[in-house]
């Protein structure tokens, strides 16, 4: 997969130099002329690294870096701050804002490429991540399941996915669909972050499927917060007409018109409180069964193991 790097600088000549330099390593580049534009790209495009000029209009590199590193979903994006020669305060400001490295203008192209390779290696996690959300992917999820089983402790695995997502994608397009997935990841991260448990795990299986690993005592509060926050933001994904109608128009394979409700979220919660779980496949099988039950209800909800539905 091609490495994608954002170049943010208000000087078009500098952007051209950086673009030419990065092309030597076949890096794919995106460009921003100011801090606000850079932040928008970072929030909406999957990136592997950002090169931020410290002094930019509208929002400087330090401010952009600070906002990115405070975002639970974006904080793992490596950032290299580009500063002026002798501007020691700029370098200190960038590092204090969370920049992973800095380079001084004018720079040697070979040094820049070496620093980029170093930062990419250093920030690459030992688990593969979903490219859209940067959350741990399937390898890390399976490892987490195995750890839970081997620990012999009580655990809860919350399988979450979106209802009516395909119909939404068909009408609004994949770019809007990707935004929904990213916002859903933020909601799940927020719920996990606010949980009293310090050992919770959040992974992205793929598409609109996510998994939260927690303990049984915190599973209910996490699910309730996810549902509450998702239902609050869900209408904002639609245009005014669809929002007011409370549905979108879709077609089945026979070209018949259907009124399709707005997006909701369903969660199946697997626990080992009432039964022994001895292998990873069990978790997936029970989770799929519970999530199917949850999806039979036309609203956001969760269903716990033993088929005890609660809201």
Protein backbone atom coordinates (compact mmCIF):
# COMPACT_ATOMS: atom_id res chain seq x y z
CA UNK A 1 0.00 0.00 0.00
CA UNK A 2 1.31 3.45 -0.96
CA UNK A 3 2.43 5.67 1.91
CA UNK A 4 0.38 8.88 1.97
CA UNK A 5 1.98 12.06 3.28
CA UNK A 6 0.40 15.48 3.77
CA UNK A 7 2.52 18.52 2.86
CA UNK A 8 1.19 21.64 4.63
CA UNK A 9 2.97 24.89 3.78
CA UNK A 10 1.76 28.28 2.54
CA UNK A 11 4.79 28.61 0.21
CA UNK A 12 4.06 26.87 -3.13
CA UNK A 13 7.80 26.61 -3.90
CA UNK A 14 8.43 24.71 -0.67
CA UNK A 15 5.49 22.42 -1.41
CA UNK A 16 6.94 21.70 -4.87
CA UNK A 17 10.38 20.91 -3.41
CA UNK A 18 8.86 18.60 -0.82
CA UNK A 19 6.66 16.91 -3.42
CA UNK A 20 9.65 16.25 -5.71
CA UNK A 21 11.72 14.96 -2.79
CA UNK A 22 9.00 12.60 -1.58
CA UNK A 23 8.39 11.30 -5.11
CA UNK A 24 11.88 9.77 -4.99
CA UNK A 25 10.52 7.25 -2.48
CA UNK A 26 7.22 6.90 -4.38
CA UNK A 27 5.30 8.50 -1.54
CA UNK A 28 1.82 9.74 -2.45
CA UNK A 29 1.35 13.37 -1.42
CA UNK A 30 -1.57 15.62 -0.54
CA UNK A 31 -1.15 19.39 -0.19
CA UNK A 32 -2.54 22.08 2.09
CA UNK A 33 -1.90 25.84 1.89
CA UNK A 34 -2.80 26.69 5.49
CA UNK A 35 -3.46 25.15 8.87
CA UNK A 36 -7.23 24.94 8.55
CA UNK A 37 -6.97 23.14 5.23
CA UNK A 38 -4.36 20.78 6.69
CA UNK A 39 -6.60 19.91 9.64
CA UNK A 40 -9.55 19.22 7.32
CA UNK A 41 -7.46 16.82 5.21
CA UNK A 42 -6.11 15.07 8.31
CA UNK A 43 -9.65 14.57 9.60
CA UNK A 44 -11.09 13.29 6.32
CA UNK A 45 -8.29 11.44 4.48
CA UNK A 46 -6.37 8.34 5.57
CA UNK A 47 -2.74 9.46 6.02
CA UNK A 48 0.51 7.85 7.14
CA UNK A 49 2.39 11.06 8.07
CA UNK A 50 2.02 14.85 8.01
CA UNK A 51 4.70 17.46 7.30
CA UNK A 52 3.53 20.72 8.90
CA UNK A 53 5.17 24.10 8.44
CA UNK A 54 5.30 25.81 11.81
CA UNK A 55 4.28 29.23 10.46
CA UNK A 56 1.11 29.05 8.35
CA UNK A 57 -1.90 31.36 7.97
CA UNK A 58 -5.26 30.71 9.66
CA UNK A 59 -3.74 28.12 11.98
CA UNK A 60 -0.05 27.43 12.56
CA UNK A 61 1.60 24.03 12.66
CA UNK A 62 1.73 23.94 16.43
CA UNK A 63 -2.02 24.51 16.71
CA UNK A 64 -2.80 21.86 14.11
CA UNK A 65 -0.48 19.37 15.81
CA UNK A 66 -2.01 20.08 19.20
CA UNK A 67 -5.55 19.42 17.93
CA UNK A 68 -4.52 16.22 16.14
CA UNK A 69 -2.73 14.79 19.16
CA UNK A 70 -5.77 15.49 21.36
CA UNK A 71 -8.08 13.61 18.96
CA UNK A 72 -8.49 9.99 20.13
CA UNK A 73 -8.87 8.78 16.56
CA UNK A 74 -5.98 10.77 15.05
CA UNK A 75 -3.41 10.88 17.83
CA UNK A 76 -1.31 8.07 16.34
CA UNK A 77 -0.68 10.02 13.10
CA UNK A 78 3.05 10.88 13.05
CA UNK A 79 3.84 14.57 12.51
CA UNK A 80 7.12 16.18 11.45
CA UNK A 81 7.29 19.92 12.08
CA UNK A 82 9.14 22.04 9.50
CA UNK A 83 10.71 25.12 11.11
CA UNK A 84 12.84 28.06 10.03
CA UNK A 85 16.60 28.09 10.50
CA UNK A 86 17.58 29.16 14.01
CA UNK A 87 13.96 29.32 15.24
CA UNK A 88 14.59 27.37 18.43
CA UNK A 89 11.25 28.48 19.93
CA UNK A 90 9.41 27.01 16.94
CA UNK A 91 11.11 23.66 17.45
CA UNK A 92 10.31 23.66 21.17
CA UNK A 93 6.71 24.71 20.46
CA UNK A 94 6.28 21.91 17.94
CA UNK A 95 7.69 19.26 20.27
CA UNK A 96 5.53 20.52 23.14
CA UNK A 97 2.48 20.24 20.89
CA UNK A 98 3.27 16.56 20.32
CA UNK A 99 5.26 16.57 17.06
CA UNK A 100 7.19 13.34 16.55
CA UNK A 101 10.19 15.08 14.96
CA UNK A 102 11.22 18.32 13.28
CA UNK A 103 13.41 19.42 10.40
CA UNK A 104 14.89 22.85 9.74
CA UNK A 105 14.61 24.80 6.46
CA UNK A 106 16.61 24.76 4.26
CA UNK A 107 16.93 20.98 4.55
CA UNK A 108 18.87 18.31 2.74
CA UNK A 109 16.49 16.02 0.82
CA UNK A 110 18.35 12.90 1.98
CA UNK A 111 18.04 13.97 5.61
CA UNK A 112 14.32 14.62 5.23
CA UNK A 113 13.74 11.18 3.69
CA UNK A 114 15.80 9.55 6.42
CA UNK A 115 13.77 11.32 9.11
CA UNK A 116 10.51 10.28 7.45
CA UNK A 117 11.61 6.65 7.31
CA UNK A 118 12.69 6.81 10.94
CA UNK A 119 9.39 8.30 12.13
CA UNK A 120 7.34 5.81 10.11
CA UNK A 121 9.32 2.91 11.58
CA UNK A 122 9.12 4.31 15.08
CA UNK A 123 5.37 4.92 14.98
CA UNK A 124 4.46 1.70 13.23
CA UNK A 125 2.70 -0.37 15.83
CA UNK A 126 3.39 -4.06 16.27
CA UNK A 127 -0.23 -4.69 15.34
CA UNK A 128 -1.79 -4.04 11.97
CA UNK A 129 -4.29 -1.18 11.94
CA UNK A 130 -7.38 -0.45 9.90
CA UNK A 131 -6.32 2.17 7.31
CA UNK A 132 -9.53 4.19 7.65
CA UNK A 133 -9.72 4.54 11.44
CA UNK A 134 -6.18 3.56 12.52
CA UNK A 135 -7.74 1.29 15.11
CA UNK A 136 -6.26 -2.18 15.74
CA UNK A 137 -7.38 -4.67 13.10
CA UNK A 138 -8.12 -8.38 13.00
CA UNK A 139 -4.73 -9.73 14.09
CA UNK A 140 -4.74 -7.57 17.20
CA UNK A 141 -8.41 -8.43 17.86
CA UNK A 142 -7.74 -12.18 17.73
CA UNK A 143 -4.73 -11.73 20.02
CA UNK A 144 -6.91 -9.81 22.48
CA UNK A 145 -9.55 -12.59 22.43
CA UNK A 146 -6.85 -15.19 23.10
CA UNK A 147 -5.49 -13.11 25.97
CA UNK A 148 -8.96 -12.90 27.53
CA UNK A 149 -9.50 -16.66 27.29
CA UNK A 150 -6.05 -17.53 28.63
CA UNK A 151 -6.37 -15.14 31.57
CA UNK A 152 -9.37 -17.11 32.95
CA UNK A 153 -10.89 -13.77 34.04
CA UNK A 154 -14.43 -12.64 33.32
CA UNK A 155 -14.71 -10.62 30.10
CA UNK A 156 -17.29 -9.06 27.79
CA UNK A 157 -16.91 -8.66 24.04
CA UNK A 158 -19.23 -6.12 22.43
CA UNK A 159 -19.74 -6.60 18.68
CA UNK A 160 -21.11 -3.41 17.11
CA UNK A 161 -22.16 -2.58 13.60
CA UNK A 162 -24.45 -0.15 11.79
CA UNK A 163 -27.97 -0.89 10.57
CA UNK A 164 -29.02 0.23 7.05
CA UNK A 165 -25.43 1.23 6.23
CA UNK A 166 -25.47 -0.25 2.71
CA UNK A 167 -28.55 1.78 1.80
CA UNK A 168 -26.84 4.90 3.17
CA UNK A 169 -23.71 4.19 1.13
CA UNK A 170 -25.78 3.60 -2.02
CA UNK A 171 -27.46 6.99 -1.72
CA UNK A 172 -24.73 9.21 -0.27
CA UNK A 173 -21.60 7.56 -1.65
CA UNK A 174 -18.48 5.99 -0.16
CA UNK A 175 -16.88 9.26 0.92
CA UNK A 176 -19.83 10.05 3.18
CA UNK A 177 -19.91 6.40 4.25
CA UNK A 178 -16.26 6.57 5.29
CA UNK A 179 -17.04 9.68 7.33
CA UNK A 180 -19.83 7.79 9.13
CA UNK A 181 -17.40 4.99 9.96
CA UNK A 182 -14.80 7.44 11.29
CA UNK A 183 -17.41 9.22 13.44
CA UNK A 184 -18.64 5.86 14.74
CA UNK A 185 -15.05 5.00 15.70
CA UNK A 186 -14.83 8.31 17.59
CA UNK A 187 -18.05 7.50 19.46
CA UNK A 188 -16.76 4.07 20.47
CA UNK A 189 -13.41 5.53 21.48
CA UNK A 190 -15.19 8.12 23.59
CA UNK A 191 -17.26 5.46 25.34
CA UNK A 192 -14.20 3.33 26.03
CA UNK A 193 -12.18 6.36 27.12
CA UNK A 194 -14.83 7.39 29.66
CA UNK A 195 -15.22 3.88 31.06
CA UNK A 196 -13.90 3.32 34.57
CA UNK A 197 -12.07 0.24 33.29
CA UNK A 198 -8.43 0.87 32.39
CA UNK A 199 -7.96 -2.33 30.39
CA UNK A 200 -10.60 -1.87 27.67
CA UNK A 201 -9.70 -2.63 24.05
CA UNK A 202 -11.29 -1.26 20.85
CA UNK A 203 -10.73 -2.82 17.44
CA UNK A 204 -12.04 -2.30 13.90
CA UNK A 205 -12.92 -5.58 12.20
CA UNK A 206 -13.59 -3.81 8.90
CA UNK A 207 -16.32 -1.84 7.17
CA UNK A 208 -18.88 -0.80 9.78
CA UNK A 209 -17.98 -3.62 12.20
CA UNK A 210 -16.23 -2.88 15.50
CA UNK A 211 -15.45 -4.75 18.69
CA UNK A 212 -14.98 -3.55 22.27
CA UNK A 213 -13.40 -5.85 24.87
CA UNK A 214 -14.16 -4.93 28.47
CA UNK A 215 -15.33 -6.54 31.71
CA UNK A 216 -18.97 -7.56 32.34
CA UNK A 217 -19.48 -4.86 34.97
CA UNK A 218 -18.73 -2.06 32.48
CA UNK A 219 -20.35 -3.54 29.35
CA UNK A 220 -23.81 -2.05 29.98
CA UNK A 221 -22.61 1.51 30.56
CA UNK A 222 -20.34 1.38 27.50
CA UNK A 223 -23.14 0.09 25.25
CA UNK A 224 -25.60 2.64 26.61
CA UNK A 225 -23.20 5.50 25.95
CA UNK A 226 -22.44 4.26 22.42
CA UNK A 227 -26.15 4.07 21.60
CA UNK A 228 -26.94 7.44 23.18
CA UNK A 229 -24.10 9.23 21.38
CA UNK A 230 -24.71 7.51 18.04
CA UNK A 231 -28.44 8.30 18.02
CA UNK A 232 -27.62 11.92 18.82
CA UNK A 233 -25.26 12.34 15.86
CA UNK A 234 -26.92 10.02 13.32
CA UNK A 235 -29.36 12.61 11.85
CA UNK A 236 -26.43 14.91 11.00
CA UNK A 237 -25.23 12.38 8.39
CA UNK A 238 -28.29 13.19 6.22
CA UNK A 239 -29.52 16.11 4.18
CA UNK A 240 -32.37 18.20 5.56
CA UNK A 241 -35.13 16.46 3.61
CA UNK A 242 -34.12 12.95 4.69
CA UNK A 243 -33.55 14.15 8.24
CA UNK A 244 -37.05 15.62 8.46
CA UNK A 245 -38.64 12.55 6.82
CA UNK A 246 -36.80 10.19 9.13
CA UNK A 247 -36.03 7.82 6.26
CA UNK A 248 -34.45 7.55 2.81
CA UNK A 249 -35.89 5.96 -0.31
CA UNK A 250 -34.20 2.74 -1.44
CA UNK A 251 -34.86 0.00 -3.96
CA UNK A 252 -34.72 -3.78 -3.63
CA UNK A 253 -33.61 -6.23 -6.33
CA UNK A 254 -37.06 -6.12 -7.90
CA UNK A 255 -36.78 -2.30 -8.13
CA UNK A 256 -39.52 -1.87 -5.55
CA UNK A 257 -39.36 1.30 -3.47
CA UNK A 258 -38.77 1.02 0.26
CA UNK A 259 -38.63 3.57 3.06
CA UNK A 260 -35.37 2.86 4.86
CA UNK A 261 -34.95 4.22 8.43
CA UNK A 262 -32.00 6.38 9.39
CA UNK A 263 -28.79 4.74 10.56
CA UNK A 264 -28.83 3.01 13.93
CA UNK A 265 -26.30 0.82 15.76
CA UNK A 266 -26.72 -2.76 17.01
CA UNK A 267 -24.47 -4.42 19.57
CA UNK A 268 -24.19 -8.07 20.61
CA UNK A 269 -22.45 -8.60 23.96
CA UNK A 270 -20.69 -11.93 24.55
CA UNK A 271 -19.62 -12.76 28.11
CA UNK A 272 -18.22 -15.78 29.92
CA UNK A 273 -20.28 -15.08 33.04
CA UNK A 274 -22.81 -17.87 32.41
CA UNK A 275 -20.84 -20.19 30.15
CA UNK A 276 -17.30 -21.31 29.54
CA UNK A 277 -15.60 -19.88 26.47
CA UNK A 278 -12.53 -21.90 25.58
CA UNK A 279 -11.63 -20.82 22.05
CA UNK A 280 -11.70 -17.67 19.92
CA UNK A 281 -14.20 -19.05 17.38
CA UNK A 282 -16.83 -19.33 20.13
CA UNK A 283 -16.70 -15.58 20.70
CA UNK A 284 -17.34 -14.88 17.02
CA UNK A 285 -20.17 -17.42 16.73
CA UNK A 286 -22.03 -16.19 19.81
CA UNK A 287 -21.43 -12.56 18.85
CA UNK A 288 -22.90 -13.07 15.38
CA UNK A 289 -25.98 -14.72 16.89
CA UNK A 290 -26.55 -11.94 19.41
CA UNK A 291 -25.96 -9.18 16.88
CA UNK A 292 -28.52 -10.78 14.57
CA UNK A 293 -31.06 -10.65 17.41
CA UNK A 294 -30.23 -6.99 18.02
CA UNK A 295 -30.71 -6.17 14.34
CA UNK A 296 -34.25 -7.52 14.42
CA UNK A 297 -35.21 -4.48 16.49
CA UNK A 298 -35.80 -1.29 14.45
CA UNK A 299 -33.72 1.01 16.64
CA UNK A 300 -30.29 1.24 18.23
CA UNK A 301 -30.01 -1.39 20.97
CA UNK A 302 -27.82 -4.08 22.47
CA UNK A 303 -28.43 -7.71 23.36
CA UNK A 304 -26.36 -9.45 26.01
CA UNK A 305 -25.44 -13.10 26.26
CA UNK A 306 -28.26 -15.41 27.48
CA UNK A 307 -30.50 -13.32 25.18
CA UNK A 308 -31.32 -10.86 27.93
CA UNK A 309 -32.13 -7.67 26.11
CA UNK A 310 -31.64 -4.44 28.05
CA UNK A 311 -31.78 -0.75 27.31
